[in-house]
Amino acid sequence: MNKIENPDRSTWAEILKRPTQTYDQIESTVLEIFDNIKSYGDSAVKQYTEKFDGILINNLEVQQDEINTSVNELSQDLKEAIELAKKNIEVFHQAQKTTPVSVETAPGVICWQEKRPIQKVGLYIPGGTAPLFSTILMLAIPAKIAGCKEVVLCTPPDKNGNINPAILFTAQLCGIDKIYKVGGIQAIGAMTFGTESISKVYKIFGPGNQFVTVAKQMATKYNVSIDMPAGPSELLIVADDTADASFVASDLLSQAEHGVDSQVILVSTSKGLIVSVEDEINTQLVQLPRKSIAEKAIANSKLIYVKDHKTALELIDEYGPEHFIVATNDNAFYVDNIANAGSVFIGNYTPESAGDYASGTNHTLPTNGYAKQYSGVNLDSFTKSMTFQELSPEGIKNIGNAIELMAEAEGLQAHKNAVTLRLNKLAKN
């Protein structure tokens, strides 16, 4: 990891750069694949699946017998762990339900707001080097609680054309309508345009690599919404001498093992802790099955010493981390004042892994600095807010003249007339 001491503020932007390609570098590849899927549907999807995943899939949709086999392959312990996580995630997201807001803004003028589910949503679940079945829980559960009518799931097959059993078990447990053996750009393209097999959806959810991230951003040009531009995973930890160096190192490595383009950062007011954490990383790293992946991510990561908590907070807000762990002697300072973070983990006994799996919060979070303007996935992500209004005769009398004057001032005579006709009729009665 790169060690940096008291970096000048003018260098922060450069120091905090993510190790990712730019949108422009990937855009042409995504456009070509999108154009082919739009024109050739399933045929193009199968072609790209063979090219990128190394397997020709004849039937894109997962069949029930495949799901049944997967259910039987999983250990009872893992099934129960998934079910426990499902319960906690349901509890947290069920609590996010809100009641309609209604108010009489003027006598006879009633306005209210209600939330309605997005009817068709698509979930993207990475399969690659780590089959993220936990992400199904994070996306399917709020989709079902919100009342989405159609929920489809795309995930890449392995070299034998199979889907990881835990993905299929979890998808069935959550009541997913359709599961497809499609990954990468071609999955996002299929859900954007629709094919003979895969439905076009209104909103696409789920994390992915840089290519998936750009594909999701491209989908927004074709009247499809997305949860957020979530790319490679990242973690920032702020810690001081009160933190346990072995815990800090384990958390940094837990994100580093996601992928070679992941990034982890430690910001500390303690030079001693930084040394201890670095030693712990070297010790723990050699024991990891995904050591080679974590090593590459660690090479892109930083150990940053700053003089005080105030400077640390300012640097952290500049970065806007996806995951933010606070392990200091003044956790409240960070919790009360942090402005830009996807999800915050507080104290020595709150590993980022808790949010990834089973605490109940959602792990689909904004990366690449988008925590400055995006929220993580939550129940509202699967709904739309609709407003309603109803005016009585008294109501139109009370605000009608104001509407007429404003419409006339904007030069919109038909808008004025729509009110004038009603007021004139009421005046005759």
Protein backbone atom coordinates (compact mmCIF):
# COMPACT_ATOMS: atom_id res chain seq x y z
CA MET A 1 0.00 0.00 0.00
CA ASN A 2 1.12 3.56 -0.62
CA LYS A 3 1.93 5.48 2.56
CA ILE A 4 1.30 9.22 2.56
CA GLU A 5 1.94 11.68 5.41
CA ASN A 6 0.05 14.95 5.87
CA PRO A 7 -0.78 15.43 2.18
CA ASP A 8 -1.26 19.03 1.09
CA ARG A 9 -4.90 19.81 0.28
CA SER A 10 -3.92 20.68 -3.29
CA THR A 11 -2.87 17.04 -3.82
CA TRP A 12 -6.00 15.40 -2.40
CA ALA A 13 -7.79 14.99 -5.75
CA GLU A 14 -4.81 13.16 -7.23
CA ILE A 15 -4.20 11.03 -4.14
CA LEU A 16 -7.86 9.99 -3.95
CA LYS A 17 -8.26 8.98 -7.60
CA ARG A 18 -9.98 5.65 -8.18
CA PRO A 19 -8.15 3.02 -10.26
CA THR A 20 -10.84 2.87 -12.92
CA GLN A 21 -11.13 3.48 -16.60
CA THR A 22 -13.12 6.48 -17.79
CA TYR A 23 -16.58 6.34 -19.34
CA ASP A 24 -15.11 7.40 -22.69
CA GLN A 25 -12.69 4.47 -22.77
CA ILE A 26 -15.50 1.92 -22.46
CA GLU A 27 -18.36 3.71 -24.23
CA SER A 28 -17.60 2.48 -27.77
CA THR A 29 -17.59 -1.16 -26.64
CA VAL A 30 -20.92 -0.75 -24.85
CA LEU A 31 -22.51 1.05 -27.80
CA GLU A 32 -21.54 -1.71 -30.22
CA ILE A 33 -23.01 -4.40 -27.99
CA PHE A 34 -26.16 -2.39 -27.32
CA ASP A 35 -26.74 -1.80 -31.04
CA ASN A 36 -26.43 -5.51 -31.79
CA ILE A 37 -28.76 -6.54 -28.97
CA LYS A 38 -31.31 -3.96 -30.08
CA SER A 39 -31.19 -5.36 -33.62
CA TYR A 40 -30.72 -9.09 -33.05
CA GLY A 41 -32.08 -9.80 -29.57
CA ASP A 42 -31.39 -13.25 -28.13
CA SER A 43 -29.01 -14.12 -30.95
CA ALA A 44 -26.70 -11.24 -30.03
CA VAL A 45 -26.97 -11.99 -26.31
CA LYS A 46 -25.92 -15.60 -26.91
CA GLN A 47 -23.07 -14.49 -29.16
CA TYR A 48 -21.62 -12.18 -26.51
CA THR A 49 -22.13 -14.74 -23.75
CA GLU A 50 -20.06 -17.20 -25.77
CA LYS A 51 -17.42 -14.54 -26.44
CA PHE A 52 -17.07 -13.19 -22.89
CA ASP A 53 -18.11 -16.15 -20.71
CA GLY A 54 -16.82 -18.96 -22.89
CA ILE A 55 -20.09 -20.90 -23.14
CA LEU A 56 -22.86 -21.11 -25.74
CA ILE A 57 -26.22 -20.97 -23.96
CA ASN A 58 -29.16 -22.28 -26.00
CA ASN A 59 -31.86 -21.56 -23.43
CA LEU A 60 -31.18 -18.31 -21.59
CA GLU A 61 -33.81 -18.85 -18.92
CA VAL A 62 -33.00 -21.00 -15.90
CA GLN A 63 -35.36 -23.96 -15.65
CA GLN A 64 -37.09 -25.17 -12.50
CA ASP A 65 -35.20 -28.47 -12.45
CA GLU A 66 -31.92 -26.53 -12.29
CA ILE A 67 -33.24 -24.59 -9.31
CA ASN A 68 -34.39 -27.79 -7.58
CA THR A 69 -30.96 -29.36 -8.04
CA SER A 70 -29.25 -26.28 -6.62
CA VAL A 71 -31.47 -26.26 -3.56
CA ASN A 72 -30.47 -29.84 -2.83
CA GLU A 73 -26.76 -29.07 -3.27
CA LEU A 74 -26.58 -26.39 -0.57
CA SER A 75 -25.83 -27.25 3.02
CA GLN A 76 -28.56 -26.72 5.58
CA ASP A 77 -26.27 -24.37 7.51
CA LEU A 78 -25.86 -22.05 4.53
CA LYS A 79 -29.59 -22.10 3.80
CA GLU A 80 -30.31 -21.09 7.39
CA ALA A 81 -27.69 -18.32 7.24
CA ILE A 82 -29.32 -16.92 4.10
CA GLU A 83 -32.75 -17.15 5.70
CA LEU A 84 -31.50 -15.28 8.80
CA ALA A 85 -30.06 -12.51 6.62
CA LYS A 86 -33.32 -12.38 4.66
CA LYS A 87 -35.30 -11.87 7.87
CA ASN A 88 -33.10 -8.98 9.06
CA ILE A 89 -33.12 -7.28 5.66
CA GLU A 90 -36.91 -7.62 5.49
CA VAL A 91 -37.30 -6.09 8.94
CA PHE A 92 -35.13 -3.08 8.09
CA HIS A 93 -36.71 -2.42 4.69
CA GLN A 94 -40.27 -3.05 5.88
CA ALA A 95 -39.67 -0.30 8.46
CA GLN A 96 -38.95 2.13 5.62
CA LYS A 97 -42.59 2.12 4.48
CA THR A 98 -44.24 5.52 4.74
CA THR A 99 -47.86 6.60 4.81
CA PRO A 100 -49.34 9.03 2.24
CA VAL A 101 -48.82 12.71 3.01
CA SER A 102 -51.98 14.82 2.73
CA VAL A 103 -52.50 18.53 3.39
CA GLU A 104 -55.06 21.23 2.69
CA THR A 105 -52.83 23.98 1.26
CA ALA A 106 -55.74 26.43 1.11
CA PRO A 107 -59.44 26.09 1.95
CA GLY A 108 -60.88 23.67 -0.61
CA VAL A 109 -57.46 22.70 -2.05
CA ILE A 110 -56.37 19.20 -1.03
CA CYS A 111 -52.90 17.94 -2.10
CA TRP A 112 -51.41 14.56 -1.31
CA GLN A 113 -48.51 12.31 -2.21
CA GLU A 114 -48.48 8.53 -2.49
CA LYS A 115 -45.76 6.06 -3.44
CA ARG A 116 -46.45 3.49 -6.14
CA PRO A 117 -44.18 0.59 -7.11
CA ILE A 118 -42.13 0.58 -10.29
CA GLN A 119 -43.85 -2.17 -12.27
CA LYS A 120 -40.89 -3.85 -14.00
CA VAL A 121 -37.42 -4.03 -12.50
CA GLY A 122 -34.28 -5.88 -13.53
CA LEU A 123 -31.65 -7.11 -11.09
CA TYR A 124 -28.04 -7.65 -12.11
CA ILE A 125 -26.10 -10.09 -9.94
CA PRO A 126 -22.35 -10.44 -10.55
CA GLY A 127 -21.20 -14.04 -10.90
CA GLY A 128 -17.57 -13.86 -12.01
CA THR A 129 -14.90 -14.52 -9.41
CA ALA A 130 -17.40 -14.11 -6.55
CA PRO A 131 -21.06 -15.13 -7.01
CA LEU A 132 -22.79 -12.40 -5.02
CA PHE A 133 -25.96 -14.21 -3.95
CA SER A 134 -26.20 -11.77 -1.03
CA THR A 135 -26.97 -9.00 -3.53
CA ILE A 136 -30.18 -10.83 -4.47
CA LEU A 137 -31.39 -10.35 -0.90
CA MET A 138 -30.51 -6.66 -1.05
CA LEU A 139 -32.45 -6.08 -4.26
CA ALA A 140 -35.26 -8.63 -4.43
CA ILE A 141 -36.48 -8.09 -0.86
CA PRO A 142 -37.21 -4.34 -1.18
CA ALA A 143 -38.60 -4.95 -4.70
CA LYS A 144 -41.11 -7.41 -3.30
CA ILE A 145 -41.95 -5.24 -0.27
CA ALA A 146 -42.52 -2.28 -2.62
CA GLY A 147 -44.90 -4.39 -4.72
CA CYS A 148 -43.06 -4.46 -8.07
CA LYS A 149 -45.12 -6.61 -10.43
CA GLU A 150 -42.28 -8.13 -12.46
CA VAL A 151 -38.78 -8.81 -11.14
CA VAL A 152 -36.24 -10.39 -13.50
CA LEU A 153 -32.67 -11.38 -12.67
CA CYS A 154 -29.62 -11.67 -14.91
CA THR A 155 -26.38 -13.32 -13.79
CA PRO A 156 -23.46 -14.74 -15.78
CA PRO A 157 -23.07 -18.52 -16.22
CA ASP A 158 -19.87 -20.41 -15.48
CA LYS A 159 -17.82 -22.21 -18.15
CA ASN A 160 -20.24 -25.15 -17.98
CA GLY A 161 -23.31 -22.99 -18.43
CA ASN A 162 -24.40 -23.29 -14.81
CA ILE A 163 -25.39 -20.72 -12.20
CA ASN A 164 -23.98 -20.92 -8.68
CA PRO A 165 -26.43 -22.94 -6.52
CA ALA A 166 -26.53 -20.25 -3.81
CA ILE A 167 -27.69 -17.69 -6.39
CA LEU A 168 -30.53 -19.95 -7.55
CA PHE A 169 -31.57 -20.87 -4.01
CA THR A 170 -31.62 -17.24 -2.90
CA ALA A 171 -33.50 -16.10 -6.01
CA GLN A 172 -36.20 -18.69 -5.44
CA LEU A 173 -36.35 -17.88 -1.74
CA CYS A 174 -37.00 -14.23 -2.62
CA GLY A 175 -39.66 -15.05 -5.20
CA ILE A 176 -37.83 -13.88 -8.34
CA ASP A 177 -40.07 -14.25 -11.40
CA LYS A 178 -37.46 -15.04 -14.08
CA ILE A 179 -33.74 -15.89 -13.90
CA TYR A 180 -31.48 -15.62 -16.95
CA LYS A 181 -27.96 -16.89 -17.67
CA VAL A 182 -26.64 -13.60 -18.95
CA GLY A 183 -23.92 -11.35 -17.56
CA GLY A 184 -21.95 -8.22 -18.32
CA ILE A 185 -22.85 -5.58 -20.87
CA GLN A 186 -25.13 -7.98 -22.73
CA ALA A 187 -27.29 -8.47 -19.62
CA ILE A 188 -27.79 -4.72 -19.20
CA GLY A 189 -28.50 -4.37 -22.93
CA ALA A 190 -31.06 -7.19 -22.86
CA MET A 191 -32.96 -5.63 -19.95
CA THR A 192 -32.75 -2.21 -21.63
CA PHE A 193 -34.24 -3.19 -24.98
CA GLY A 194 -35.92 -6.51 -24.26
CA THR A 195 -35.34 -9.61 -26.37
CA GLU A 196 -37.40 -12.65 -27.36
CA SER A 197 -36.63 -14.18 -23.95
CA ILE A 198 -35.83 -11.29 -21.63
CA SER A 199 -38.33 -8.58 -20.71
CA LYS A 200 -37.57 -4.90 -21.09
CA VAL A 201 -37.62 -3.31 -17.65
CA TYR A 202 -38.16 0.23 -16.37
CA LYS A 203 -35.28 0.30 -13.89
CA ILE A 204 -32.07 -1.71 -13.52
CA PHE A 205 -30.40 -2.44 -10.18
CA GLY A 206 -27.17 -4.06 -9.12
CA PRO A 207 -23.41 -3.63 -8.92
CA GLY A 208 -20.83 -4.76 -11.43
CA ASN A 209 -17.45 -4.11 -12.95
CA GLN A 210 -16.53 -1.01 -14.94
CA PHE A 211 -18.17 -2.36 -18.09
CA VAL A 212 -21.45 -3.03 -16.30
CA THR A 213 -21.32 0.42 -14.71
CA VAL A 214 -20.92 2.16 -18.06
CA ALA A 215 -23.61 -0.06 -19.61
CA LYS A 216 -26.04 0.99 -16.88
CA GLN A 217 -25.23 4.65 -17.49
CA MET A 218 -25.77 4.07 -21.21
CA ALA A 219 -29.15 2.45 -20.49
CA THR A 220 -30.41 5.78 -19.15
CA LYS A 221 -30.25 7.14 -22.71
CA TYR A 222 -32.94 4.62 -23.69
CA ASN A 223 -35.63 5.53 -21.15
CA VAL A 224 -34.41 3.08 -18.52
CA SER A 225 -33.63 4.26 -15.01
CA ILE A 226 -30.85 2.84 -12.83
CA ASP A 227 -30.26 2.63 -9.11
CA MET A 228 -26.91 4.43 -9.28
CA PRO A 229 -23.62 4.23 -11.20
CA ALA A 230 -22.17 1.64 -8.81
CA GLY A 231 -18.81 0.27 -9.92
CA PRO A 232 -15.87 -1.48 -8.25
CA SER A 233 -16.18 -1.78 -4.48
CA GLU A 234 -14.30 0.49 -2.08
CA LEU A 235 -13.76 1.05 1.63
CA LEU A 236 -12.31 3.87 3.69
CA ILE A 237 -11.46 3.40 7.37
CA VAL A 238 -10.65 6.17 9.80
CA ALA A 239 -8.88 4.84 12.86
CA ASP A 240 -6.57 5.90 15.69
CA ASP A 241 -4.69 4.21 18.54
CA THR A 242 -7.95 2.92 20.04
CA ALA A 243 -8.56 0.70 17.00
CA ASP A 244 -7.51 -2.94 16.77
CA ALA A 245 -4.94 -3.18 13.95
CA SER A 246 -5.90 -6.77 13.12
CA PHE A 247 -9.56 -5.76 12.75
CA VAL A 248 -8.65 -2.81 10.54
CA ALA A 249 -6.44 -4.97 8.32
CA SER A 250 -9.13 -7.63 7.99
CA ASP A 251 -11.68 -5.02 6.91
CA LEU A 252 -9.32 -3.53 4.33
CA LEU A 253 -8.64 -7.00 2.92
CA SER A 254 -12.34 -7.87 2.89
CA GLN A 255 -12.89 -5.19 0.28
CA ALA A 256 -9.61 -5.72 -1.53
CA GLU A 257 -10.58 -9.31 -2.31
CA HIS A 258 -13.66 -8.15 -4.26
CA GLY A 259 -11.66 -7.41 -7.40
CA VAL A 260 -8.39 -6.07 -8.77
CA ASP A 261 -10.01 -2.68 -9.41
CA SER A 262 -11.30 -2.32 -5.84
CA GLN A 263 -9.74 0.31 -3.62
CA VAL A 264 -9.21 0.50 0.15
CA ILE A 265 -7.92 3.45 2.17
CA LEU A 266 -6.90 3.90 5.79
CA VAL A 267 -6.90 7.43 7.17
CA SER A 268 -5.31 7.67 10.61
CA THR A 269 -4.07 10.17 13.15
CA SER A 270 -1.65 7.51 14.43
CA LYS A 271 1.60 6.62 12.64
CA GLY A 272 1.97 3.66 14.95
CA LEU A 273 -1.39 2.23 13.93
CA ILE A 274 -0.51 2.58 10.25
CA VAL A 275 2.65 0.52 10.77
CA SER A 276 0.73 -2.13 12.74
CA VAL A 277 -2.02 -2.33 10.13
CA GLU A 278 0.48 -2.74 7.33
CA ASP A 279 2.15 -5.61 9.21
CA GLU A 280 -1.24 -7.23 9.80
CA ILE A 281 -2.17 -6.93 6.13
CA ASN A 282 1.00 -8.75 5.13
CA THR A 283 0.31 -11.48 7.70
CA GLN A 284 -3.35 -11.99 6.82
CA LEU A 285 -2.92 -11.64 3.07
CA VAL A 286 -0.91 -14.81 2.63
CA GLN A 287 -3.74 -16.87 4.12
CA LEU A 288 -6.41 -15.67 1.68
CA PRO A 289 -7.63 -17.93 -1.16
CA ARG A 290 -8.08 -14.76 -3.25
CA LYS A 291 -4.60 -13.48 -2.39
CA SER A 292 -3.65 -12.58 -5.98
CA ILE A 293 -6.78 -10.44 -6.41
CA ALA A 294 -6.37 -8.73 -3.05
CA GLU A 295 -2.70 -8.00 -3.75
CA LYS A 296 -3.54 -6.11 -6.94
CA ALA A 297 -6.23 -4.09 -5.17
CA ILE A 298 -3.88 -3.33 -2.28
CA ALA A 299 -1.37 -1.94 -4.79
CA ASN A 300 -3.97 0.72 -5.69
CA SER A 301 -4.71 1.56 -2.09
CA LYS A 302 -3.47 4.10 0.43
CA LEU A 303 -2.39 4.49 4.06
CA ILE A 304 -2.78 8.19 4.85
CA TYR A 305 -1.57 9.90 8.02
CA VAL A 306 -3.19 13.22 8.97
CA LYS A 307 -2.66 15.41 12.01
CA ASP A 308 -6.18 15.52 13.48
CA HIS A 309 -9.78 14.35 13.18
CA LYS A 310 -10.96 17.58 11.53
CA THR A 311 -8.53 17.17 8.64
CA ALA A 312 -9.40 13.49 8.40
CA LEU A 313 -13.12 14.26 8.08
CA GLU A 314 -12.53 16.86 5.37
CA LEU A 315 -10.43 14.41 3.37
CA ILE A 316 -13.02 11.65 3.80
CA ASP A 317 -15.84 13.91 2.60
CA GLU A 318 -13.72 14.79 -0.42
CA TYR A 319 -13.39 11.08 -1.23
CA GLY A 320 -17.04 10.14 -0.55
CA PRO A 321 -16.50 6.44 0.25
CA GLU A 322 -18.94 3.67 -0.54
CA HIS A 323 -18.24 2.00 2.82
CA PHE A 324 -16.93 4.04 5.77
CA ILE A 325 -15.70 2.44 9.00
CA VAL A 326 -15.13 4.63 12.06
CA ALA A 327 -12.87 3.23 14.80
CA THR A 328 -11.60 6.16 16.87
CA ASN A 329 -11.75 7.66 20.36
CA ASP A 330 -14.35 10.13 19.05
CA ASN A 331 -16.68 8.17 16.79
CA ALA A 332 -19.51 10.62 17.46
CA PHE A 333 -17.56 13.41 15.75
CA TYR A 334 -17.51 11.46 12.49
CA VAL A 335 -21.03 10.08 12.78
CA ASP A 336 -22.49 13.52 13.45
CA ASN A 337 -20.55 15.35 10.76
CA ILE A 338 -19.92 12.99 7.84
CA ALA A 339 -21.66 14.31 4.71
CA ASN A 340 -20.56 11.92 1.96
CA ALA A 341 -20.66 8.16 2.52
CA GLY A 342 -22.77 5.28 1.27
CA SER A 343 -22.97 3.36 4.54
CA VAL A 344 -21.26 3.95 7.89
CA PHE A 345 -19.95 1.24 10.25
CA ILE A 346 -19.25 2.39 13.80
CA GLY A 347 -16.86 0.92 16.34
CA ASN A 348 -14.36 -1.91 16.60
CA TYR A 349 -17.02 -4.61 16.48
CA THR A 350 -18.90 -3.46 13.38
CA PRO A 351 -17.13 -4.98 10.38
CA GLU A 352 -18.16 -3.92 6.89
CA SER A 353 -19.04 -7.60 6.33
CA ALA A 354 -22.05 -7.14 8.63
CA GLY A 355 -23.68 -4.74 6.19
CA ASP A 356 -22.66 -6.90 3.25
CA TYR A 357 -24.62 -9.84 4.57
CA ALA A 358 -26.88 -9.87 7.56
CA SER A 359 -27.27 -6.74 9.70
CA GLY A 360 -30.24 -5.61 7.62
CA THR A 361 -28.92 -2.51 5.82
CA ASN A 362 -28.52 -2.57 2.05
CA HIS A 363 -25.10 -3.20 0.55
CA THR A 364 -25.89 -1.80 -2.92
CA LEU A 365 -24.17 1.55 -2.49
CA PRO A 366 -22.76 4.46 -4.54
CA THR A 367 -19.08 4.15 -5.46
CA ASN A 368 -16.53 6.28 -7.28
CA GLY A 369 -17.45 9.38 -5.27
CA TYR A 370 -21.15 9.22 -6.14
CA ALA A 371 -21.96 9.11 -2.42
CA LYS A 372 -21.82 12.91 -2.71
CA GLN A 373 -25.14 12.89 -4.58
CA TYR A 374 -26.62 9.37 -4.49
CA SER A 375 -28.18 7.27 -1.74
CA GLY A 376 -27.70 3.55 -1.44
CA VAL A 377 -30.54 1.28 -2.50
CA ASN A 378 -33.53 1.41 -0.15
CA LEU A 379 -37.26 0.78 -0.31
CA ASP A 380 -37.92 4.10 -2.04
CA SER A 381 -35.58 3.03 -4.86
CA PHE A 382 -38.32 0.68 -6.04
CA THR A 383 -41.14 3.22 -5.89
CA LYS A 384 -42.22 6.47 -7.52
CA SER A 385 -43.80 9.33 -5.66
CA MET A 386 -47.05 10.49 -7.28
CA THR A 387 -48.82 13.70 -6.32
CA PHE A 388 -52.57 14.26 -6.37
CA GLN A 389 -54.75 17.31 -5.95
CA GLU A 390 -58.47 17.96 -5.72
CA LEU A 391 -60.09 21.41 -5.75
CA SER A 392 -63.62 22.08 -4.61
CA PRO A 393 -65.57 25.07 -5.95
CA GLU A 394 -64.35 26.93 -2.88
CA GLY A 395 -60.80 25.89 -3.67
CA ILE A 396 -60.76 27.15 -7.25
CA LYS A 397 -62.24 30.44 -6.04
CA ASN A 398 -59.50 30.81 -3.45
CA ILE A 399 -56.52 30.29 -5.77
CA GLY A 400 -58.06 30.87 -9.20
CA ASN A 401 -57.23 34.56 -9.53
CA ALA A 402 -53.59 33.94 -8.59
CA ILE A 403 -53.39 31.25 -11.28
CA GLU A 404 -54.89 33.60 -13.87
CA LEU A 405 -52.43 36.37 -13.09
CA MET A 406 -49.41 34.08 -13.17
CA ALA A 407 -50.45 32.35 -16.40
CA GLU A 408 -51.07 35.68 -18.11
CA ALA A 409 -47.68 36.98 -16.96
CA GLU A 410 -46.04 33.94 -18.57
CA GLY A 411 -47.99 34.46 -21.78
CA LEU A 412 -49.90 31.19 -21.45
CA GLN A 413 -53.45 32.25 -22.26
CA ALA A 414 -54.91 28.72 -22.45
CA HIS A 415 -53.72 28.09 -18.90
CA LYS A 416 -55.54 31.23 -17.78
CA ASN A 417 -58.67 30.29 -19.72
CA ALA A 418 -58.89 26.89 -18.02
CA VAL A 419 -59.38 28.72 -14.73
CA THR A 420 -61.44 31.65 -16.02
CA LEU A 421 -64.10 29.36 -17.53
CA ARG A 422 -64.56 27.60 -14.21
CA LEU A 423 -64.72 30.85 -12.21
CA ASN A 424 -67.24 32.34 -14.65
CA LYS A 425 -69.47 29.25 -14.35
CA LEU A 426 -69.37 29.43 -10.57
CA ALA A 427 -70.18 33.16 -10.69
CA LYS A 428 -73.39 32.41 -12.66
CA ASN A 429 -74.61 29.83 -10.15
